[in-house]
Amino acid sequence: MLFETPSTKSRLSACALAVAMGFTGAAGLLATATPAHAQSVPAVRGLPDFTELVDQVGPSVVNIRTTERVTQRPSMGGMDEDMLEFFRRFGLPVPNVPRQGPQQAPQPQEQPRGVGSGFILSSDGFVMTNAHVVEGAEEVIVTLTDKREFKAKIIGADKRTDVAVVKIEATGLPAVKVGDVSRLKAGEWVMAIGSPFGLDNTVTAGIVSAKQRDTGDYLPFIQTDVAINPGNSGGPLINMRGEVVGINSQIYSRSGGFMGISFAIPIDEAIRVSEQLRTSGRVTRGRIGVQIEGVSKDVAESIGLGKSQGALVRGVEPGSPAEKAGIEAGDIITRYDGKAIERVADLPRLVGNTKPGTKANVTVFRRGATRDLNVTIAEVEPDEKAVARGPSGQGKDSSQPTTSAQQLGLVVADLTAAQEKELKIKGGVRVVSASDAAARAGLREGDVIVALANVEIRNAKDFEAAVAKADKSKPVSVLVRRGEWAQYALIRPSR
């Protein structure tokens, strides 16, 4: 097969034209072809060569493996404990099964959980990756390109931005260079290095398809067409200067595989989060207490706003910083702390990045006129804070699990007054995360536990006391509220 570059095609066209005009001599052909070629063909740019970038950045990219502790349940004649419990609960006769003699208590086993990627932030062993790569991991193993392996501590993980920082005990490591995301342009060549499907140090390349893609409250993602697959998560997105400009995090897919649309977390946002994780093990965010939506073009024109911009305030939480500052439902917030709110997603991002306790100026458009209001930023509710997990034990807060709670696979937090009012209950604890035994029992994030082992649960302190007293050699009953419905669940603790 013949592949023609633009310059080759132009030369062939010039040759055909010369023959058609009767120029058969070499001198005549050159004399005719050269001026035409110079005038009609633009400068040709060759495809980029990524080899130097791979040599430069490759040693800074790591493979991350995680394991989880799983307890195999004993079975009776091929029938597991869940099936036997089903028969008992509904009063059905238990089928006759052959006895296999006394069985030993099941022993917890470490099983592979997943594979991801990461990159070295600093020479003393701090590594950045995605929060979903290390979430729920019992053990995190980092492998360098020189095949050295280290057990890592999870310093902190933030689900909202999907950023995590882990630490390995090593020095003199090759750290990445951090790029300037503001200089990144659509159409620019970028490269990714990671471990798709566990294939270490795989290099893929493409271009920036778009910037500022709003797919989350706090992140304006970078969209690319770089091939990203399971295992690439947490790896770096690199520009042609060898600088990291993003963390590969998500893909759009109908099949589960790569379909030409990938999303990366901008590195400036990730660095901001990582600094808080390294300092305190968690991320502190600001809030003002408003419910917002976008402003349509028709609405903007009808009220005299001009163009579709800003964030329309649909509701203001009682007693919130917004209410105290005088923000009203129906206001349109057009500027925050001097920055224009072009899209509705800009406001939660800017407020979230503001340190609680500081004052910010908010410009609102109200009934045809603008006015400036001063608002004191509050902190996001405790049950929404990031929780650091892992062997390091850092970042403890009100939703940090104790050893007893971990046996149940639960992380809980106190209900806010608003949540109690909404559910019309007095007390209980909200499930922040459910894994292992709790997940197998059907519990999930957002459930509210109001009783455990027939003990009323009013708050997280009551929950911890009840868990500590419960006989965890037997299934532990919990009464759960999910919306308006209540149900019992049996949690079989891991041993």
Protein backbone atom coordinates (compact mmCIF):
# COMPACT_ATOMS: atom_id res chain seq x y z
CA MET A 1 0.00 0.00 0.00
CA LEU A 2 1.27 3.45 -0.88
CA PHE A 3 0.97 6.18 1.73
CA GLU A 4 1.25 9.70 0.35
CA THR A 5 2.40 12.62 2.46
CA PRO A 6 1.08 16.07 1.41
CA SER A 7 4.43 16.88 -0.19
CA THR A 8 4.50 13.59 -2.12
CA LYS A 9 0.99 14.15 -3.42
CA SER A 10 1.87 17.66 -4.61
CA ARG A 11 4.94 16.40 -6.47
CA LEU A 12 2.86 13.72 -8.18
CA SER A 13 0.27 16.31 -9.21
CA ALA A 14 2.99 18.59 -10.56
CA CYS A 15 4.51 15.71 -12.57
CA ALA A 16 1.15 14.86 -14.13
CA LEU A 17 0.60 18.49 -15.08
CA ALA A 18 4.05 18.76 -16.69
CA VAL A 19 3.52 15.64 -18.80
CA ALA A 20 0.10 16.88 -19.90
CA MET A 21 1.66 20.15 -21.09
CA GLY A 22 4.32 18.35 -23.15
CA PHE A 23 7.36 18.93 -20.95
CA THR A 24 9.32 15.71 -21.29
CA GLY A 25 12.84 16.92 -20.39
CA ALA A 26 14.11 16.93 -16.83
CA ALA A 27 15.02 20.60 -16.96
CA GLY A 28 11.62 21.54 -18.27
CA LEU A 29 9.85 19.50 -15.60
CA LEU A 30 11.81 21.11 -12.78
CA ALA A 31 11.38 24.58 -14.13
CA THR A 32 7.61 24.14 -14.36
CA ALA A 33 7.01 22.20 -11.12
CA THR A 34 9.04 24.22 -8.67
CA PRO A 35 7.17 27.56 -8.77
CA ALA A 36 3.76 25.84 -8.63
CA HIS A 37 4.80 23.73 -5.66
CA ALA A 38 6.18 26.72 -3.77
CA GLN A 39 2.98 28.74 -4.23
CA SER A 40 0.27 26.11 -3.58
CA VAL A 41 1.55 23.84 -0.79
CA PRO A 42 1.74 25.08 2.83
CA ALA A 43 4.58 24.17 5.16
CA VAL A 44 4.37 20.51 6.14
CA ARG A 45 4.56 19.57 9.83
CA GLY A 46 5.67 16.08 10.70
CA LEU A 47 4.04 13.90 13.34
CA PRO A 48 5.45 14.26 16.88
CA ASP A 49 8.10 11.91 18.21
CA PHE A 50 7.31 10.79 21.77
CA THR A 51 10.45 8.74 22.40
CA GLU A 52 12.27 11.45 24.33
CA LEU A 53 9.20 12.14 26.45
CA VAL A 54 8.88 8.46 27.35
CA ASP A 55 12.53 8.34 28.41
CA GLN A 56 12.08 11.54 30.40
CA VAL A 57 8.78 10.84 32.20
CA GLY A 58 8.56 7.04 32.12
CA PRO A 59 10.65 6.42 35.27
CA SER A 60 8.27 8.66 37.26
CA VAL A 61 5.21 6.53 36.46
CA VAL A 62 4.34 3.65 38.78
CA ASN A 63 2.09 0.64 38.79
CA ILE A 64 -0.31 0.32 41.74
CA ARG A 65 -1.78 -2.99 42.88
CA THR A 66 -4.29 -3.31 45.69
CA THR A 67 -5.55 -6.24 47.73
CA GLU A 68 -8.53 -6.75 50.00
CA ARG A 69 -9.18 -9.15 52.86
CA VAL A 70 -11.88 -11.69 52.03
CA THR A 71 -13.27 -14.40 54.30
CA GLN A 72 -14.49 -17.54 52.59
CA ARG A 73 -17.66 -18.82 54.20
CA PRO A 74 -18.01 -22.53 54.99
CA SER A 75 -20.53 -24.42 52.91
CA MET A 76 -22.62 -27.53 53.61
CA GLY A 77 -22.79 -29.91 50.73
CA GLY A 78 -22.25 -27.11 48.24
CA MET A 79 -24.88 -24.88 49.94
CA ASP A 80 -23.44 -21.66 51.34
CA GLU A 81 -24.55 -19.89 54.51
CA ASP A 82 -26.67 -17.34 52.63
CA MET A 83 -28.83 -20.07 51.11
CA LEU A 84 -29.25 -21.80 54.48
CA GLU A 85 -30.27 -18.48 56.05
CA PHE A 86 -32.87 -18.04 53.28
CA PHE A 87 -34.49 -21.37 54.16
CA ARG A 88 -34.45 -20.58 57.89
CA ARG A 89 -35.85 -17.06 57.54
CA PHE A 90 -38.88 -18.12 55.53
CA GLY A 91 -39.57 -21.28 57.57
CA LEU A 92 -38.74 -23.65 54.72
CA PRO A 93 -37.40 -27.13 55.43
CA VAL A 94 -33.64 -27.26 55.05
CA PRO A 95 -32.66 -29.80 52.38
CA ASN A 96 -30.75 -32.87 53.52
CA VAL A 97 -27.10 -32.41 52.76
CA PRO A 98 -24.27 -34.85 53.44
CA ARG A 99 -22.24 -34.02 56.51
CA GLN A 100 -18.58 -33.37 55.91
CA GLY A 101 -17.38 -33.57 59.49
CA PRO A 102 -16.31 -30.65 61.67
CA GLN A 103 -15.26 -27.57 59.73
CA GLN A 104 -12.59 -25.13 60.68
CA ALA A 105 -13.43 -21.48 61.10
CA PRO A 106 -12.91 -19.57 57.84
CA GLN A 107 -9.63 -17.70 57.63
CA PRO A 108 -9.38 -14.27 56.01
CA GLN A 109 -7.34 -14.25 52.84
CA GLU A 110 -5.69 -11.49 50.87
CA GLN A 111 -7.04 -11.39 47.32
CA PRO A 112 -6.11 -9.10 44.42
CA ARG A 113 -8.54 -6.22 44.17
CA GLY A 114 -7.40 -4.11 41.25
CA VAL A 115 -4.62 -2.54 39.23
CA GLY A 116 -4.07 1.14 38.57
CA SER A 117 -1.39 3.69 37.86
CA GLY A 118 0.22 6.65 39.58
CA PHE A 119 3.15 9.03 39.37
CA ILE A 120 5.83 10.26 41.73
CA LEU A 121 5.11 13.73 43.12
CA SER A 122 8.31 14.17 45.11
CA SER A 123 11.66 12.46 45.40
CA ASP A 124 10.93 11.39 49.00
CA GLY A 125 8.16 8.98 48.01
CA PHE A 126 4.82 10.79 47.69
CA VAL A 127 2.79 9.29 44.85
CA MET A 128 -0.43 10.65 43.32
CA THR A 129 -3.20 8.45 41.94
CA ASN A 130 -7.01 8.28 41.78
CA ALA A 131 -9.08 7.86 44.93
CA HIS A 132 -11.05 5.03 43.31
CA VAL A 133 -7.82 3.10 42.72
CA VAL A 134 -7.08 2.78 46.45
CA GLU A 135 -10.61 2.95 47.88
CA GLY A 136 -11.33 0.00 50.15
CA ALA A 137 -7.83 -1.45 49.73
CA GLU A 138 -6.33 -3.48 52.58
CA GLU A 139 -2.87 -3.21 51.08
CA VAL A 140 -1.38 -0.94 48.39
CA ILE A 141 1.71 -2.07 46.50
CA VAL A 142 3.65 0.38 44.33
CA THR A 143 6.00 -0.97 41.64
CA LEU A 144 8.59 1.29 40.01
CA THR A 145 9.87 0.93 36.46
CA ASP A 146 13.07 -0.65 37.83
CA LYS A 147 10.84 -3.44 39.30
CA ARG A 148 11.32 -2.39 42.92
CA GLU A 149 8.17 -2.90 45.01
CA PHE A 150 7.02 -0.97 48.08
CA LYS A 151 4.07 -1.22 50.43
CA ALA A 152 2.42 2.18 50.50
CA LYS A 153 0.50 4.10 53.17
CA ILE A 154 -2.62 5.94 52.09
CA ILE A 155 -2.07 9.52 53.22
CA GLY A 156 -5.50 10.65 52.11
CA ALA A 157 -8.17 10.24 49.43
CA ASP A 158 -10.80 12.69 48.23
CA LYS A 159 -13.79 11.14 46.47
CA ARG A 160 -15.19 14.42 45.16
CA THR A 161 -12.14 15.07 42.99
CA ASP A 162 -11.02 11.43 42.77
CA VAL A 163 -7.52 12.33 43.94
CA ALA A 164 -5.43 10.29 46.39
CA VAL A 165 -1.90 10.50 47.76
CA VAL A 166 0.08 7.49 48.98
CA LYS A 167 3.56 7.33 50.49
CA ILE A 168 6.36 4.83 49.97
CA GLU A 169 9.56 4.66 52.00
CA ALA A 170 12.15 5.58 49.39
CA THR A 171 14.37 8.53 48.51
CA GLY A 172 16.03 9.90 45.40
CA LEU A 173 13.05 9.06 43.22
CA PRO A 174 12.48 10.73 39.83
CA ALA A 175 9.62 13.19 40.37
CA VAL A 176 7.45 14.55 37.56
CA LYS A 177 7.42 18.15 36.39
CA VAL A 178 4.08 19.89 36.87
CA GLY A 179 2.76 21.84 33.88
CA ASP A 180 0.59 24.95 33.52
CA VAL A 181 -2.93 23.87 32.60
CA SER A 182 -3.86 27.41 31.53
CA ARG A 183 -1.43 27.07 28.61
CA LEU A 184 -3.05 23.85 27.41
CA LYS A 185 -5.01 24.23 24.16
CA ALA A 186 -7.54 22.11 22.30
CA GLY A 187 -5.76 20.29 19.48
CA GLU A 188 -2.48 20.05 21.39
CA TRP A 189 -0.67 16.71 21.41
CA VAL A 190 -0.62 14.87 24.75
CA MET A 191 0.58 11.47 25.93
CA ALA A 192 -0.43 9.03 28.66
CA ILE A 193 1.60 6.36 30.45
CA GLY A 194 -0.05 3.72 32.61
CA SER A 195 -0.95 0.08 33.14
CA PRO A 196 -4.09 -0.69 31.11
CA PHE A 197 -5.26 -4.23 31.88
CA GLY A 198 -2.11 -4.62 33.99
CA LEU A 199 0.26 -4.01 31.06
CA ASP A 200 2.92 -1.87 32.76
CA ASN A 201 4.44 1.21 31.11
CA THR A 202 2.02 1.34 28.20
CA VAL A 203 2.30 4.57 26.20
CA THR A 204 -0.65 6.04 24.29
CA ALA A 205 -1.03 9.43 22.62
CA GLY A 206 -3.62 11.76 21.15
CA ILE A 207 -4.80 15.35 21.30
CA VAL A 208 -6.72 17.55 23.70
CA SER A 209 -10.31 17.39 22.50
CA ALA A 210 -11.71 20.06 24.84
CA LYS A 211 -11.15 21.80 28.15
CA GLN A 212 -13.48 22.71 31.01
CA ARG A 213 -15.79 19.73 30.57
CA ASP A 214 -18.26 19.92 33.46
CA THR A 215 -18.92 16.37 34.64
CA GLY A 216 -18.67 17.02 38.38
CA ASP A 217 -19.22 19.67 41.05
CA TYR A 218 -15.58 20.52 41.58
CA LEU A 219 -13.76 19.50 38.42
CA PRO A 220 -13.54 21.04 34.95
CA PHE A 221 -12.14 17.95 33.18
CA ILE A 222 -9.70 17.86 30.28
CA GLN A 223 -11.18 15.80 27.43
CA THR A 224 -8.78 13.92 25.14
CA ASP A 225 -8.83 11.14 22.58
CA VAL A 226 -5.85 9.40 24.20
CA ALA A 227 -6.55 5.67 24.54
CA ILE A 228 -7.42 5.09 28.23
CA ASN A 229 -8.57 1.72 29.56
CA PRO A 230 -9.04 0.04 32.96
CA GLY A 231 -5.67 0.21 34.71
CA ASN A 232 -4.76 3.64 33.26
CA SER A 233 -6.60 5.31 36.14
CA GLY A 234 -4.28 7.51 38.17
CA GLY A 235 -1.60 7.77 35.49
CA PRO A 236 -0.29 11.09 34.16
CA LEU A 237 -1.40 13.05 31.10
CA ILE A 238 1.75 14.65 29.69
CA ASN A 239 2.26 17.57 27.30
CA MET A 240 5.00 17.84 24.68
CA ARG A 241 7.28 19.61 27.15
CA GLY A 242 7.31 16.53 29.36
CA GLU A 243 5.10 18.14 32.02
CA VAL A 244 2.14 16.52 33.74
CA VAL A 245 -1.05 18.45 32.99
CA GLY A 246 -3.63 15.97 34.27
CA ILE A 247 -4.50 12.66 35.93
CA ASN A 248 -6.29 10.16 33.69
CA SER A 249 -9.49 9.37 35.54
CA GLN A 250 -12.54 8.52 33.44
CA ILE A 251 -13.70 7.39 30.03
CA TYR A 252 -16.98 7.62 28.19
CA SER A 253 -17.91 4.14 27.07
CA ARG A 254 -20.94 2.06 26.13
CA SER A 255 -18.92 -1.13 25.95
CA GLY A 256 -16.60 -0.75 28.95
CA GLY A 257 -13.61 -0.18 26.68
CA PHE A 258 -12.06 2.87 25.05
CA MET A 259 -14.34 4.71 22.60
CA GLY A 260 -12.29 7.82 21.84
CA ILE A 261 -13.38 10.04 24.75
CA SER A 262 -11.26 10.22 27.91
CA PHE A 263 -11.25 12.64 30.82
CA ALA A 264 -8.33 13.82 32.95
CA ILE A 265 -8.31 15.79 36.20
CA PRO A 266 -6.46 19.11 35.68
CA ILE A 267 -3.17 18.95 37.54
CA ASP A 268 -3.62 22.36 39.19
CA GLU A 269 -6.84 21.14 40.84
CA ALA A 270 -5.16 17.86 41.82
CA ILE A 271 -2.13 19.61 43.35
CA ARG A 272 -4.41 21.84 45.42
CA VAL A 273 -6.16 18.76 46.80
CA SER A 274 -2.92 16.84 47.33
CA GLU A 275 -1.43 19.63 49.42
CA GLN A 276 -4.36 19.43 51.84
CA LEU A 277 -4.17 15.65 51.93
CA ARG A 278 -0.46 15.74 52.74
CA THR A 279 -1.00 18.37 55.43
CA SER A 280 -4.07 17.04 57.23
CA GLY A 281 -5.12 13.81 55.51
CA ARG A 282 -8.40 15.34 54.34
CA VAL A 283 -9.79 18.16 52.22
CA THR A 284 -11.61 21.13 53.73
CA ARG A 285 -14.14 22.88 51.49
CA GLY A 286 -16.27 25.97 51.75
CA ARG A 287 -20.03 26.32 51.42
CA ILE A 288 -22.56 29.14 51.47
CA GLY A 289 -25.80 27.13 51.58
CA VAL A 290 -27.70 27.70 48.34
CA GLN A 291 -29.43 25.47 45.80
CA ILE A 292 -28.66 26.66 42.28
CA GLU A 293 -29.34 26.00 38.62
CA GLY A 294 -28.32 27.49 35.29
CA VAL A 295 -29.84 30.54 33.64
CA SER A 296 -31.40 29.91 30.23
CA LYS A 297 -31.03 32.35 27.38
CA ASP A 298 -34.76 33.13 27.42
CA VAL A 299 -34.75 33.90 31.13
CA ALA A 300 -31.63 36.04 30.86
CA GLU A 301 -33.16 38.11 28.09
CA SER A 302 -36.52 38.48 29.80
CA ILE A 303 -35.10 39.85 33.07
CA GLY A 304 -32.55 42.13 31.44
CA LEU A 305 -29.46 40.13 32.35
CA GLY A 306 -28.34 40.19 28.74
CA LYS A 307 -26.61 36.86 28.18
CA SER A 308 -27.00 33.43 29.71
CA GLN A 309 -24.62 33.50 32.67
CA GLY A 310 -24.44 33.18 36.42
CA ALA A 311 -26.10 30.82 38.90
CA LEU A 312 -29.80 31.17 39.67
CA VAL A 313 -30.49 30.71 43.39
CA ARG A 314 -33.48 28.37 43.75
CA GLY A 315 -33.35 28.14 47.51
CA VAL A 316 -31.39 29.37 50.53
CA GLU A 317 -30.79 27.14 53.55
CA PRO A 318 -32.11 28.62 56.81
CA GLY A 319 -29.31 29.97 58.98
CA SER A 320 -26.74 29.51 56.21
CA PRO A 321 -24.00 32.01 55.33
CA ALA A 322 -26.00 32.97 52.24
CA GLU A 323 -29.09 33.84 54.28
CA LYS A 324 -27.03 35.86 56.76
CA ALA A 325 -25.43 37.75 53.88
CA GLY A 326 -28.83 38.67 52.42
CA ILE A 327 -28.86 36.37 49.39
CA GLU A 328 -32.44 35.57 48.38
CA ALA A 329 -34.15 32.93 46.29
CA GLY A 330 -34.44 34.28 42.77
CA ASP A 331 -31.10 36.11 42.88
CA ILE A 332 -28.62 35.38 40.13
CA ILE A 333 -25.03 35.22 41.36
CA THR A 334 -22.90 36.72 38.59
CA ARG A 335 -19.56 37.18 40.35
CA TYR A 336 -17.82 35.53 43.28
CA ASP A 337 -14.78 37.10 44.94
CA GLY A 338 -14.11 39.12 41.79
CA LYS A 339 -14.41 36.18 39.38
CA ALA A 340 -17.19 36.00 36.80
CA ILE A 341 -19.65 33.09 37.03
CA GLU A 342 -19.96 32.16 33.37
CA ARG A 343 -21.57 28.79 34.04
CA VAL A 344 -23.51 27.44 36.98
CA ALA A 345 -20.76 24.91 37.77
CA ASP A 346 -18.26 27.73 38.36
CA LEU A 347 -19.89 28.75 41.66
CA PRO A 348 -19.59 25.50 43.68
CA ARG A 349 -16.05 25.09 42.37
CA LEU A 350 -14.96 28.56 43.50
CA VAL A 351 -16.79 28.35 46.84
CA GLY A 352 -15.44 24.87 47.50
CA ASN A 353 -11.89 26.08 46.97
CA THR A 354 -12.34 28.91 49.49
CA LYS A 355 -11.03 28.41 53.00
CA PRO A 356 -13.85 28.28 55.56
CA GLY A 357 -14.00 31.35 57.78
CA THR A 358 -12.88 33.79 55.10
CA LYS A 359 -15.09 36.53 53.69
CA ALA A 360 -15.93 36.78 50.01
CA ASN A 361 -17.74 39.37 47.95
CA VAL A 362 -20.73 38.08 45.99
CA THR A 363 -22.39 40.07 43.21
CA VAL A 364 -26.05 39.26 42.65
CA PHE A 365 -28.50 40.37 39.96
CA ARG A 366 -31.86 41.11 41.57
CA ARG A 367 -34.88 42.66 39.88
CA GLY A 368 -32.92 44.42 37.17
CA ALA A 369 -30.02 45.72 39.29
CA THR A 370 -26.80 44.36 40.71
CA ARG A 371 -25.65 44.59 44.29
CA ASP A 372 -22.60 43.41 46.22
CA LEU A 373 -22.96 41.29 49.35
CA ASN A 374 -20.33 40.00 51.75
CA VAL A 375 -20.60 36.35 52.79
CA THR A 376 -18.55 34.46 55.39
CA ILE A 377 -17.72 31.02 54.06
CA ALA A 378 -18.70 28.02 56.17
CA GLU A 379 -17.24 24.52 56.09
CA VAL A 380 -18.90 21.63 54.28
CA GLU A 381 -20.84 19.33 56.60
CA PRO A 382 -18.69 16.67 58.34
CA ASP A 383 -20.49 13.82 56.59
CA GLU A 384 -19.33 15.22 53.26
CA LYS A 385 -15.67 15.54 54.19
CA ALA A 386 -13.02 13.33 52.63
CA VAL A 387 -11.83 10.51 54.86
CA ALA A 388 -8.27 9.23 54.77
CA ARG A 389 -8.06 5.45 54.93
CA GLY A 390 -5.30 2.91 55.16
CA PRO A 391 -2.59 1.61 57.44
CA SER A 392 -1.31 5.06 58.32
CA GLY A 393 -4.46 5.84 60.32
CA GLN A 394 -4.20 9.52 59.41
CA GLY A 395 -7.03 11.94 58.81
CA LYS A 396 -9.40 10.70 61.53
CA ASP A 397 -12.69 12.57 61.93
CA SER A 398 -16.26 11.89 63.01
CA SER A 399 -16.71 9.35 60.20
CA GLN A 400 -13.49 7.41 60.75
CA PRO A 401 -14.30 3.72 61.49
CA THR A 402 -13.10 2.01 64.65
CA THR A 403 -11.72 -1.52 64.59
CA SER A 404 -15.12 -2.90 65.62
CA ALA A 405 -16.96 -0.93 62.92
CA GLN A 406 -14.42 -2.04 60.31
CA GLN A 407 -15.37 -5.64 61.06
CA LEU A 408 -18.87 -4.71 59.92
CA GLY A 409 -17.54 -2.81 56.88
CA LEU A 410 -19.22 0.45 57.88
CA VAL A 411 -18.22 4.10 58.08
CA VAL A 412 -20.96 6.29 59.58
CA ALA A 413 -21.56 9.92 60.53
CA ASP A 414 -24.10 11.82 62.63
CA LEU A 415 -27.24 13.09 60.92
CA THR A 416 -27.65 16.80 60.48
CA ALA A 417 -30.74 18.51 61.88
CA ALA A 418 -32.00 18.97 58.32
CA GLN A 419 -31.67 15.25 57.60
CA GLU A 420 -33.52 14.33 60.79
CA LYS A 421 -36.32 16.73 59.88
CA GLU A 422 -36.53 15.40 56.34
CA LEU A 423 -36.71 11.78 57.49
CA LYS A 424 -38.96 12.67 60.46
CA ILE A 425 -36.79 10.75 62.91
CA LYS A 426 -34.97 11.65 66.11
CA GLY A 427 -31.44 10.35 65.80
CA GLY A 428 -29.65 7.70 63.84
CA VAL A 429 -26.43 7.56 61.84
CA ARG A 430 -25.93 8.00 58.12
CA VAL A 431 -23.90 5.38 56.23
CA VAL A 432 -20.97 7.17 54.60
CA SER A 433 -19.64 3.98 53.02
CA ALA A 434 -20.48 0.29 53.16
CA SER A 435 -18.00 -2.39 52.14
CA ASP A 436 -17.20 -6.04 52.82
CA ALA A 437 -19.76 -7.51 55.27
CA ALA A 438 -22.09 -4.49 55.22
CA ALA A 439 -22.13 -4.36 51.43
CA ARG A 440 -22.88 -8.07 51.25
CA ALA A 441 -25.85 -7.46 53.57
CA GLY A 442 -27.22 -4.90 51.12
CA LEU A 443 -26.35 -1.67 52.95
CA ARG A 444 -25.24 1.28 50.88
CA GLU A 445 -24.21 4.91 51.15
CA GLY A 446 -27.07 7.14 52.30
CA ASP A 447 -28.85 4.51 54.42
CA VAL A 448 -29.71 5.54 57.97
CA ILE A 449 -29.15 3.05 60.81
CA VAL A 450 -31.63 3.61 63.68
CA ALA A 451 -30.98 0.41 65.67
CA LEU A 452 -28.21 -2.16 65.96
CA ALA A 453 -28.60 -5.45 67.82
CA ASN A 454 -31.91 -4.13 69.24
CA VAL A 455 -30.16 -1.07 70.66
CA GLU A 456 -31.51 2.35 69.65
CA ILE A 457 -28.92 4.42 67.78
CA ARG A 458 -29.16 8.20 68.27
CA ASN A 459 -25.68 9.23 67.11
CA ALA A 460 -22.24 7.94 66.13
CA LYS A 461 -21.24 7.53 69.78
CA ASP A 462 -24.20 5.22 70.42
CA PHE A 463 -23.35 3.31 67.25
CA GLU A 464 -19.75 2.66 68.33
CA ALA A 465 -20.90 1.55 71.79
CA ALA A 466 -23.48 -0.83 70.33
CA VAL A 467 -20.99 -2.29 67.85
CA ALA A 468 -18.43 -2.85 70.62
CA LYS A 469 -20.99 -4.77 72.73
CA ALA A 470 -22.46 -6.81 69.87
CA ASP A 471 -21.55 -10.48 69.59
CA LYS A 472 -19.68 -10.41 66.30
CA SER A 473 -19.38 -14.18 66.16
CA LYS A 474 -23.02 -14.11 65.06
CA PRO A 475 -24.89 -12.07 62.44
CA VAL A 476 -25.57 -8.54 63.72
CA SER A 477 -29.04 -7.15 63.03
CA VAL A 478 -29.47 -3.53 61.96
CA LEU A 479 -32.68 -1.59 61.41
CA VAL A 480 -32.19 0.64 58.38
CA ARG A 481 -34.19 3.54 57.02
CA ARG A 482 -33.93 4.10 53.27
CA GLY A 483 -36.08 7.05 52.35
CA GLU A 484 -39.56 6.41 53.79
CA TRP A 485 -39.02 2.65 54.09
CA ALA A 486 -37.56 0.65 56.96
CA GLN A 487 -36.01 -2.80 56.80
CA TYR A 488 -33.82 -5.17 58.74
CA ALA A 489 -30.47 -6.42 57.50
CA LEU A 490 -28.11 -9.04 58.90
CA ILE A 491 -24.42 -8.27 58.82
CA ARG A 492 -22.02 -11.18 59.14
CA PRO A 493 -18.79 -9.62 60.44
CA SER A 494 -15.40 -10.47 58.95
CA ARG A 495 -13.15 -12.28 61.40
